[in-house]
Each structure stands twice: as C-alpha cells, then as structure tokens.
Amino acid sequence: MIASREDVWLALSELWLDHQPDEHDHRHIARVLLASGLSTEELRGIYLEEVAPLLWLNHWTTAGVWSGFDPAWLSAGCRRNLQRRQSRWHRWRCRLLRRPMTYAAEPEWCQVLLRMEELRG
C-alpha cells in the first residue's frame, strides 16, 4: 500500500479528534505515515504546517469533532495550507502558534513516532 498525501492528512487528523487515541490508533497512523514514503522531517512539516493550522481549534472547543473530520473539507483545507507553506507569513504564524496548535496532539505525535520506529524495526 502506498499512502497519498491525502491519506497522511486524514491519518494525522485523528490526533486532533476529541477523544484519546489508543495504541491501535497510534499504530494505524504510523502505518499510513510509513506507507507514504515521506521522511520523518517532511511528515513533521505536514503535521505542523498543513494539518495543525486547520484543526487545532477542535481541541479548544467544548464539544469538538470526535468521530472524524469530513475528508473533502480536510483535504481542501490542508491543500490550501500546503500552498501556503511557501509563504513566510504562514511559516511564521505556525511557529508563533505552535504550542496552542499542538498542545494536546504533541504527546500523541510522539507516540506515533515511536510506533513508526518499532514498525521499521
């Protein structure tokens, strides 16, 4: 299986759902990320500059999305952020807001990275 960038966006979006991901979720996300063939550095860029700017407010709302984001909406928003990655303003904004954008997702991201290393074995 080869995962597309859209597959990566959808898998990473699970880190911003209003529920606690478990071991199974971490392994699923890790498998999708590995199947993309992208480097860990590029995946981190996608996490920080394409997915987080779109989804971070879900962790800050009282009743956020918990069952999954609409794939068409997610893809359109992440595609816009992919284009914006070339913009200094977008990169600066992502650096400035990194903590609030990833405060709840970062521990889960670290778990996914660990699972990736295990799967590479």
N, C-alpha and C. Protein backbone atom coordinates (compact mmCIF):
# COMPACT_ATOMS: atom_id res chain seq x y z
N MET A 1 0.84 -1.19 0.00
CA MET A 1 0.00 0.00 0.00
C MET A 1 0.88 1.25 0.00
N ILE A 2 0.58 2.16 -0.88
CA ILE A 2 1.26 3.45 -0.91
C ILE A 2 0.23 4.50 -0.49
N ALA A 3 0.59 5.27 0.52
CA ALA A 3 -0.33 6.27 1.05
C ALA A 3 -0.09 7.61 0.35
N SER A 4 -1.16 8.26 -0.03
CA SER A 4 -1.07 9.58 -0.65
C SER A 4 -0.97 10.65 0.43
N ARG A 5 -0.72 11.86 0.02
CA ARG A 5 -0.67 12.97 0.97
C ARG A 5 -2.03 13.13 1.66
N GLU A 6 -3.11 12.89 0.91
CA GLU A 6 -4.46 12.96 1.48
C GLU A 6 -4.63 11.91 2.58
N ASP A 7 -4.07 10.72 2.37
CA ASP A 7 -4.12 9.67 3.39
C ASP A 7 -3.37 10.12 4.64
N VAL A 8 -2.24 10.79 4.43
CA VAL A 8 -1.44 11.30 5.56
C VAL A 8 -2.24 12.34 6.32
N TRP A 9 -2.88 13.28 5.59
CA TRP A 9 -3.70 14.30 6.25
C TRP A 9 -4.80 13.66 7.09
N LEU A 10 -5.47 12.69 6.51
CA LEU A 10 -6.58 12.04 7.20
C LEU A 10 -6.09 11.29 8.44
N ALA A 11 -4.96 10.59 8.30
CA ALA A 11 -4.41 9.87 9.45
C ALA A 11 -3.99 10.84 10.56
N LEU A 12 -3.28 11.90 10.19
CA LEU A 12 -2.83 12.87 11.19
C LEU A 12 -4.00 13.60 11.84
N SER A 13 -5.09 13.76 11.11
CA SER A 13 -6.24 14.47 11.66
C SER A 13 -6.78 13.78 12.91
N GLU A 14 -6.55 12.48 13.02
CA GLU A 14 -7.02 11.73 14.18
C GLU A 14 -6.39 12.25 15.48
N LEU A 15 -5.24 12.91 15.38
CA LEU A 15 -4.58 13.44 16.58
C LEU A 15 -5.34 14.63 17.16
N TRP A 16 -6.23 15.23 16.37
CA TRP A 16 -7.00 16.40 16.84
C TRP A 16 -8.45 16.08 17.14
N LEU A 17 -8.83 14.81 17.06
CA LEU A 17 -10.20 14.45 17.40
C LEU A 17 -10.40 14.58 18.91
N ASP A 18 -11.63 14.79 19.29
CA ASP A 18 -11.96 15.00 20.70
C ASP A 18 -12.14 13.65 21.42
N HIS A 19 -11.09 12.86 21.39
CA HIS A 19 -11.04 11.58 22.13
C HIS A 19 -9.57 11.23 22.32
N GLN A 20 -9.31 10.31 23.19
CA GLN A 20 -7.94 9.91 23.48
C GLN A 20 -7.54 8.75 22.57
N PRO A 21 -6.61 8.97 21.63
CA PRO A 21 -6.17 7.85 20.78
C PRO A 21 -5.52 6.76 21.62
N ASP A 22 -5.69 5.52 21.19
CA ASP A 22 -5.09 4.40 21.91
C ASP A 22 -3.96 3.79 21.07
N GLU A 23 -3.42 2.70 21.56
CA GLU A 23 -2.31 2.02 20.89
C GLU A 23 -2.67 1.63 19.45
N HIS A 24 -3.86 1.14 19.26
CA HIS A 24 -4.32 0.76 17.92
C HIS A 24 -4.32 1.97 16.98
N ASP A 25 -4.81 3.12 17.47
CA ASP A 25 -4.83 4.35 16.67
C ASP A 25 -3.41 4.78 16.31
N HIS A 26 -2.50 4.73 17.28
CA HIS A 26 -1.10 5.12 17.04
C HIS A 26 -0.48 4.24 15.96
N ARG A 27 -0.72 2.94 16.03
CA ARG A 27 -0.15 2.01 15.05
C ARG A 27 -0.75 2.25 13.66
N HIS A 28 -2.04 2.50 13.61
CA HIS A 28 -2.69 2.77 12.32
C HIS A 28 -2.08 4.02 11.67
N ILE A 29 -1.96 5.09 12.44
CA ILE A 29 -1.39 6.34 11.92
C ILE A 29 0.05 6.10 11.47
N ALA A 30 0.82 5.39 12.29
CA ALA A 30 2.22 5.10 11.95
C ALA A 30 2.32 4.32 10.64
N ARG A 31 1.44 3.34 10.43
CA ARG A 31 1.47 2.56 9.20
C ARG A 31 1.19 3.43 7.97
N VAL A 32 0.20 4.32 8.11
CA VAL A 32 -0.13 5.20 6.99
C VAL A 32 1.05 6.12 6.68
N LEU A 33 1.66 6.68 7.72
CA LEU A 33 2.79 7.59 7.52
C LEU A 33 3.96 6.85 6.87
N LEU A 34 4.25 5.66 7.33
CA LEU A 34 5.34 4.88 6.73
C LEU A 34 5.03 4.54 5.27
N ALA A 35 3.77 4.23 4.98
CA ALA A 35 3.38 3.87 3.62
C ALA A 35 3.49 5.05 2.66
N SER A 36 3.55 6.26 3.20
CA SER A 36 3.66 7.44 2.34
C SER A 36 5.04 7.54 1.69
N GLY A 37 6.04 6.94 2.34
CA GLY A 37 7.40 7.03 1.83
C GLY A 37 8.07 8.36 2.11
N LEU A 38 7.38 9.25 2.82
CA LEU A 38 7.95 10.57 3.14
C LEU A 38 8.89 10.46 4.34
N SER A 39 9.86 11.36 4.41
CA SER A 39 10.79 11.37 5.54
C SER A 39 10.06 11.86 6.79
N THR A 40 10.62 11.53 7.92
CA THR A 40 10.05 11.98 9.20
C THR A 40 10.04 13.50 9.25
N GLU A 41 11.05 14.14 8.69
CA GLU A 41 11.12 15.60 8.66
C GLU A 41 9.96 16.19 7.84
N GLU A 42 9.69 15.61 6.68
CA GLU A 42 8.58 16.09 5.85
C GLU A 42 7.24 15.81 6.54
N LEU A 43 7.12 14.66 7.17
CA LEU A 43 5.88 14.35 7.89
C LEU A 43 5.65 15.33 9.03
N ARG A 44 6.72 15.71 9.72
CA ARG A 44 6.59 16.71 10.80
C ARG A 44 6.13 18.05 10.21
N GLY A 45 6.65 18.42 9.05
CA GLY A 45 6.21 19.64 8.39
C GLY A 45 4.73 19.59 8.03
N ILE A 46 4.27 18.44 7.55
CA ILE A 46 2.85 18.28 7.24
C ILE A 46 2.02 18.41 8.51
N TYR A 47 2.47 17.78 9.57
CA TYR A 47 1.80 17.84 10.88
C TYR A 47 1.69 19.28 11.37
N LEU A 48 2.80 20.03 11.30
CA LEU A 48 2.85 21.37 11.87
C LEU A 48 2.30 22.47 10.97
N GLU A 49 2.46 22.34 9.66
CA GLU A 49 2.14 23.46 8.77
C GLU A 49 0.95 23.21 7.84
N GLU A 50 0.48 21.97 7.78
CA GLU A 50 -0.67 21.69 6.92
C GLU A 50 -1.89 21.25 7.73
N VAL A 51 -1.70 20.35 8.68
CA VAL A 51 -2.83 19.81 9.43
C VAL A 51 -3.13 20.64 10.68
N ALA A 52 -2.14 20.92 11.49
CA ALA A 52 -2.37 21.65 12.74
C ALA A 52 -3.06 23.00 12.55
N PRO A 53 -2.65 23.83 11.56
CA PRO A 53 -3.31 25.13 11.41
C PRO A 53 -4.80 25.02 11.08
N LEU A 54 -5.20 23.89 10.51
CA LEU A 54 -6.59 23.70 10.15
C LEU A 54 -7.43 23.15 11.31
N LEU A 55 -6.83 22.27 12.11
CA LEU A 55 -7.61 21.52 13.09
C LEU A 55 -7.42 21.90 14.55
N TRP A 56 -6.45 22.73 14.87
CA TRP A 56 -6.08 22.95 16.26
C TRP A 56 -7.22 23.45 17.13
N LEU A 57 -8.13 24.21 16.58
CA LEU A 57 -9.22 24.75 17.41
C LEU A 57 -10.19 23.66 17.87
N ASN A 58 -10.14 22.49 17.26
CA ASN A 58 -11.01 21.40 17.72
C ASN A 58 -10.70 21.01 19.15
N HIS A 59 -9.43 21.13 19.55
CA HIS A 59 -9.07 20.82 20.94
C HIS A 59 -9.47 21.93 21.91
N TRP A 60 -9.76 23.09 21.39
CA TRP A 60 -10.08 24.23 22.24
C TRP A 60 -11.59 24.48 22.35
N THR A 61 -12.41 23.66 21.69
CA THR A 61 -13.85 23.84 21.78
C THR A 61 -14.43 22.88 22.82
N THR A 62 -15.57 23.22 23.33
CA THR A 62 -16.19 22.40 24.38
C THR A 62 -16.61 21.04 23.85
N ALA A 63 -17.22 21.02 22.71
CA ALA A 63 -17.67 19.75 22.13
C ALA A 63 -17.11 19.65 20.71
N GLY A 64 -15.86 19.27 20.63
CA GLY A 64 -15.20 19.17 19.34
C GLY A 64 -15.61 17.93 18.57
N VAL A 65 -15.15 17.87 17.33
CA VAL A 65 -15.41 16.71 16.49
C VAL A 65 -14.71 15.51 17.11
N TRP A 66 -15.42 14.41 17.25
CA TRP A 66 -14.81 13.22 17.86
C TRP A 66 -14.87 12.00 16.95
N SER A 67 -15.74 12.01 15.93
CA SER A 67 -15.90 10.81 15.11
C SER A 67 -15.06 10.84 13.83
N GLY A 68 -14.56 11.98 13.45
CA GLY A 68 -13.75 12.09 12.25
C GLY A 68 -14.13 13.32 11.44
N PHE A 69 -13.15 13.93 10.82
CA PHE A 69 -13.37 15.13 10.02
C PHE A 69 -13.81 14.72 8.62
N ASP A 70 -14.62 15.56 8.00
CA ASP A 70 -15.06 15.31 6.64
C ASP A 70 -13.83 15.29 5.72
N PRO A 71 -13.58 14.19 5.02
CA PRO A 71 -12.37 14.08 4.20
C PRO A 71 -12.25 15.16 3.11
N ALA A 72 -13.37 15.54 2.50
CA ALA A 72 -13.31 16.57 1.44
C ALA A 72 -12.93 17.92 2.03
N TRP A 73 -13.53 18.27 3.16
CA TRP A 73 -13.22 19.52 3.85
C TRP A 73 -11.76 19.52 4.30
N LEU A 74 -11.34 18.41 4.90
CA LEU A 74 -9.97 18.28 5.39
C LEU A 74 -8.97 18.42 4.24
N SER A 75 -9.23 17.74 3.16
CA SER A 75 -8.33 17.78 2.01
C SER A 75 -8.22 19.18 1.43
N ALA A 76 -9.35 19.87 1.31
CA ALA A 76 -9.34 21.23 0.76
C ALA A 76 -8.55 22.17 1.66
N GLY A 77 -8.77 22.09 2.97
CA GLY A 77 -8.06 22.96 3.91
C GLY A 77 -6.57 22.66 3.95
N CYS A 78 -6.20 21.40 3.97
CA CYS A 78 -4.79 21.03 4.00
C CYS A 78 -4.10 21.40 2.69
N ARG A 79 -4.82 21.28 1.59
CA ARG A 79 -4.25 21.67 0.29
C ARG A 79 -3.93 23.16 0.27
N ARG A 80 -4.85 23.98 0.84
CA ARG A 80 -4.58 25.42 0.95
C ARG A 80 -3.33 25.66 1.80
N ASN A 81 -3.23 24.95 2.92
CA ASN A 81 -2.06 25.12 3.79
C ASN A 81 -0.78 24.63 3.12
N LEU A 82 -0.88 23.59 2.30
CA LEU A 82 0.29 23.12 1.54
C LEU A 82 0.80 24.23 0.63
N GLN A 83 -0.11 24.91 -0.04
CA GLN A 83 0.28 26.03 -0.91
C GLN A 83 0.85 27.18 -0.10
N ARG A 84 0.31 27.40 1.09
CA ARG A 84 0.77 28.50 1.94
C ARG A 84 2.13 28.23 2.58
N ARG A 85 2.59 26.98 2.59
CA ARG A 85 3.88 26.66 3.23
C ARG A 85 5.03 27.45 2.63
N GLN A 86 4.88 27.91 1.41
CA GLN A 86 5.92 28.72 0.78
C GLN A 86 5.94 30.14 1.32
N SER A 87 4.87 30.54 1.96
CA SER A 87 4.73 31.90 2.47
C SER A 87 5.45 32.05 3.81
N ARG A 88 6.26 33.09 3.92
CA ARG A 88 6.93 33.36 5.19
C ARG A 88 5.92 33.66 6.28
N TRP A 89 4.83 34.35 5.92
CA TRP A 89 3.78 34.66 6.89
C TRP A 89 3.18 33.38 7.48
N HIS A 90 2.90 32.39 6.65
CA HIS A 90 2.31 31.14 7.13
C HIS A 90 3.29 30.41 8.05
N ARG A 91 4.54 30.31 7.64
CA ARG A 91 5.53 29.64 8.48
C ARG A 91 5.72 30.36 9.80
N TRP A 92 5.73 31.70 9.77
CA TRP A 92 5.89 32.49 11.00
C TRP A 92 4.68 32.26 11.91
N ARG A 93 3.48 32.29 11.34
CA ARG A 93 2.25 32.07 12.12
C ARG A 93 2.26 30.68 12.75
N CYS A 94 2.70 29.68 11.99
CA CYS A 94 2.76 28.31 12.52
C CYS A 94 3.76 28.20 13.66
N ARG A 95 4.89 28.89 13.54
CA ARG A 95 5.87 28.87 14.63
C ARG A 95 5.33 29.60 15.86
N LEU A 96 4.70 30.74 15.64
CA LEU A 96 4.15 31.53 16.74
C LEU A 96 3.06 30.76 17.50
N LEU A 97 2.22 30.05 16.77
CA LEU A 97 1.09 29.35 17.39
C LEU A 97 1.35 27.86 17.63
N ARG A 98 2.58 27.43 17.46
CA ARG A 98 2.90 26.00 17.58
C ARG A 98 2.38 25.39 18.87
N ARG A 99 2.62 26.04 19.99
CA ARG A 99 2.20 25.46 21.27
C ARG A 99 0.70 25.29 21.38
N PRO A 100 -0.09 26.35 21.13
CA PRO A 100 -1.54 26.13 21.23
C PRO A 100 -2.07 25.18 20.15
N MET A 101 -1.43 25.15 18.98
CA MET A 101 -1.91 24.27 17.90
C MET A 101 -1.65 22.80 18.20
N THR A 102 -0.61 22.52 18.99
CA THR A 102 -0.21 21.12 19.19
C THR A 102 -0.21 20.67 20.65
N TYR A 103 -0.71 21.50 21.55
CA TYR A 103 -0.57 21.15 22.97
C TYR A 103 -1.14 19.78 23.30
N ALA A 104 -2.28 19.40 22.73
CA ALA A 104 -2.87 18.09 23.04
C ALA A 104 -2.42 17.02 22.05
N ALA A 105 -2.05 17.42 20.85
CA ALA A 105 -1.67 16.45 19.81
C ALA A 105 -0.21 16.01 19.93
N GLU A 106 0.64 16.83 20.51
CA GLU A 106 2.08 16.53 20.54
C GLU A 106 2.42 15.23 21.25
N PRO A 107 1.84 14.94 22.43
CA PRO A 107 2.15 13.64 23.06
C PRO A 107 1.74 12.47 22.17
N GLU A 108 0.62 12.63 21.47
CA GLU A 108 0.16 11.56 20.58
C GLU A 108 1.09 11.44 19.37
N TRP A 109 1.55 12.58 18.86
CA TRP A 109 2.52 12.59 17.75
C TRP A 109 3.77 11.82 18.16
N CYS A 110 4.24 12.04 19.36
CA CYS A 110 5.44 11.33 19.85
C CYS A 110 5.19 9.83 19.91
N GLN A 111 3.99 9.42 20.31
CA GLN A 111 3.65 8.00 20.33
C GLN A 111 3.65 7.42 18.92
N VAL A 112 3.15 8.18 17.96
CA VAL A 112 3.14 7.74 16.57
C VAL A 112 4.58 7.56 16.07
N LEU A 113 5.45 8.51 16.41
CA LEU A 113 6.86 8.39 16.01
C LEU A 113 7.50 7.13 16.59
N LEU A 114 7.18 6.83 17.84
CA LEU A 114 7.70 5.60 18.47
C LEU A 114 7.19 4.36 17.73
N ARG A 115 5.93 4.34 17.40
CA ARG A 115 5.36 3.21 16.67
C ARG A 115 6.00 3.07 15.29
N MET A 116 6.30 4.19 14.64
CA MET A 116 6.97 4.15 13.35
C MET A 116 8.33 3.48 13.49
N GLU A 117 9.06 3.86 14.53
CA GLU A 117 10.38 3.25 14.75
C GLU A 117 10.25 1.74 15.00
N GLU A 118 9.26 1.35 15.79
CA GLU A 118 9.03 -0.07 16.05
C GLU A 118 8.72 -0.83 14.76
N LEU A 119 7.87 -0.22 13.93
CA LEU A 119 7.47 -0.89 12.69
C LEU A 119 8.61 -0.98 11.68
N ARG A 120 9.50 0.00 11.73
CA ARG A 120 10.68 -0.05 10.85
C ARG A 120 11.61 -1.18 11.28
N GLY A 121 11.59 -1.40 12.62
CA GLY A 121 12.32 -2.44 13.31
C GLY A 121 13.58 -2.85 12.80
